[in-house]
Amino acid sequence: MARKPHHSGSYVRDSAALRAAAYADPHTRCWRCHLTLTQCTNRDGKPARWTAGHLSDGQIGAAARAVHEGCK
């Protein structure tokens, strides 16, 4: 599966660093739902995982913050 053009280059590196920092700090809160990772579960009942979510959805190059996959 090919990546979207804006999901390559520095985005890959920056989002990996963002996820690593979120996993390293158990007090990190999702910027959308404001819950920690242990407080959140996905709609399918599986444990939540961190991802990088753009503050302005759809805007290439927009700032990103830690967000649960289910909140994205």
C-alpha atoms as a PDB file:
ATOM      1  CA  MET A   1       0.000   0.000   0.000  1.00  0.00           C
ATOM      2  CA  ALA A   2       1.475   3.353  -1.028  1.00  0.00           C
ATOM      3  CA  ARG A   3       1.703   6.121   1.529  1.00  0.00           C
ATOM      4  CA  LYS A   4      -0.062   9.406   1.005  1.00  0.00           C
ATOM      5  CA  PRO A   5       2.462  12.029  -0.173  1.00  0.00           C
ATOM      6  CA  HIS A   6       2.251  13.968   3.097  1.00  0.00           C
ATOM      7  CA  HIS A   7       2.851  10.767   5.100  1.00  0.00           C
ATOM      8  CA  SER A   8       6.458  10.423   4.014  1.00  0.00           C
ATOM      9  CA  GLY A   9       9.804  12.067   4.680  1.00  0.00           C
ATOM     10  CA  SER A  10       9.923  14.199   7.814  1.00  0.00           C
ATOM     11  CA  TYR A  11       6.319  13.275   8.742  1.00  0.00           C
ATOM     12  CA  VAL A  12       7.352   9.650   9.300  1.00  0.00           C
ATOM     13  CA  ARG A  13      10.280  10.669  11.516  1.00  0.00           C
ATOM     14  CA  ASP A  14       8.317  13.328  13.421  1.00  0.00           C
ATOM     15  CA  SER A  15       5.268  11.142  14.028  1.00  0.00           C
ATOM     16  CA  ALA A  16       7.463   8.266  15.243  1.00  0.00           C
ATOM     17  CA  ALA A  17       9.145  10.614  17.735  1.00  0.00           C
ATOM     18  CA  LEU A  18       5.760  11.945  18.857  1.00  0.00           C
ATOM     19  CA  ARG A  19       4.403   8.420  19.449  1.00  0.00           C
ATOM     20  CA  ALA A  20       7.565   7.348  21.287  1.00  0.00           C
ATOM     21  CA  ALA A  21       7.326  10.354  23.618  1.00  0.00           C
ATOM     22  CA  ALA A  22       3.637   9.664  24.272  1.00  0.00           C
ATOM     23  CA  TYR A  23       4.298   6.009  25.119  1.00  0.00           C
ATOM     24  CA  ALA A  24       7.226   7.008  27.374  1.00  0.00           C
ATOM     25  CA  ASP A  25       5.081   9.350  29.497  1.00  0.00           C
ATOM     26  CA  PRO A  26       2.063   7.636  31.089  1.00  0.00           C
ATOM     27  CA  HIS A  27       0.593  11.067  31.873  1.00  0.00           C
ATOM     28  CA  THR A  28       0.280  12.011  28.185  1.00  0.00           C
ATOM     29  CA  ARG A  29      -3.311  12.900  27.318  1.00  0.00           C
ATOM     30  CA  CYS A  30      -4.993  12.652  23.943  1.00  0.00           C
ATOM     31  CA  TRP A  31      -5.536  16.146  22.608  1.00  0.00           C
ATOM     32  CA  ARG A  32      -9.016  15.204  21.352  1.00  0.00           C
ATOM     33  CA  CYS A  33     -10.576  13.286  24.281  1.00  0.00           C
ATOM     34  CA  HIS A  34      -8.123  14.362  27.032  1.00  0.00           C
ATOM     35  CA  LEU A  35      -7.783  10.800  28.382  1.00  0.00           C
ATOM     36  CA  THR A  36      -4.536   8.966  29.078  1.00  0.00           C
ATOM     37  CA  LEU A  37      -3.731   5.777  27.208  1.00  0.00           C
ATOM     38  CA  THR A  38      -4.833   3.565  30.115  1.00  0.00           C
ATOM     39  CA  GLN A  39      -8.163   5.405  30.419  1.00  0.00           C
ATOM     40  CA  CYS A  40      -9.117   4.838  26.795  1.00  0.00           C
ATOM     41  CA  THR A  41     -10.192   1.767  24.831  1.00  0.00           C
ATOM     42  CA  ASN A  42     -11.011   1.594  21.146  1.00  0.00           C
ATOM     43  CA  ARG A  43     -14.581   1.062  20.007  1.00  0.00           C
ATOM     44  CA  ASP A  44     -13.745  -2.587  19.299  1.00  0.00           C
ATOM     45  CA  GLY A  45     -12.664  -3.094  22.928  1.00  0.00           C
ATOM     46  CA  LYS A  46      -8.954  -3.396  22.145  1.00  0.00           C
ATOM     47  CA  PRO A  47      -6.427  -1.286  24.047  1.00  0.00           C
ATOM     48  CA  ALA A  48      -5.874   2.153  22.565  1.00  0.00           C
ATOM     49  CA  ARG A  49      -2.654   3.018  20.745  1.00  0.00           C
ATOM     50  CA  TRP A  50      -1.029   6.371  20.147  1.00  0.00           C
ATOM     51  CA  THR A  51      -0.833   7.974  16.738  1.00  0.00           C
ATOM     52  CA  ALA A  52      -0.007  11.449  15.480  1.00  0.00           C
ATOM     53  CA  GLY A  53      -3.074  13.580  14.832  1.00  0.00           C
ATOM     54  CA  HIS A  54      -3.010  16.852  12.932  1.00  0.00           C
ATOM     55  CA  LEU A  55      -4.378  19.836  14.822  1.00  0.00           C
ATOM     56  CA  SER A  56      -5.935  20.990  11.542  1.00  0.00           C
ATOM     57  CA  ASP A  57      -7.315  17.860   9.858  1.00  0.00           C
ATOM     58  CA  GLY A  58      -6.380  17.531   6.218  1.00  0.00           C
ATOM     59  CA  GLN A  59      -3.831  20.335   6.306  1.00  0.00           C
ATOM     60  CA  ILE A  60      -0.489  19.077   5.012  1.00  0.00           C
ATOM     61  CA  GLY A  61       2.326  20.149   7.297  1.00  0.00           C
ATOM     62  CA  ALA A  62      -0.023  21.086  10.144  1.00  0.00           C
ATOM     63  CA  ALA A  63       1.218  20.622  13.681  1.00  0.00           C
ATOM     64  CA  ALA A  64       0.474  17.235  15.219  1.00  0.00           C
ATOM     65  CA  ARG A  65      -0.150  16.003  18.752  1.00  0.00           C
ATOM     66  CA  ALA A  66      -0.576  12.596  20.369  1.00  0.00           C
ATOM     67  CA  VAL A  67      -4.063  11.207  19.768  1.00  0.00           C
ATOM     68  CA  HIS A  68      -5.620   7.788  20.340  1.00  0.00           C
ATOM     69  CA  GLU A  69      -6.247   5.864  17.132  1.00  0.00           C
ATOM     70  CA  GLY A  70      -9.955   5.694  17.928  1.00  0.00           C
ATOM     71  CA  CYS A  71     -10.152   9.462  18.401  1.00  0.00           C
ATOM     72  CA  LYS A  72      -8.496  10.309  15.120  1.00  0.00           C
END
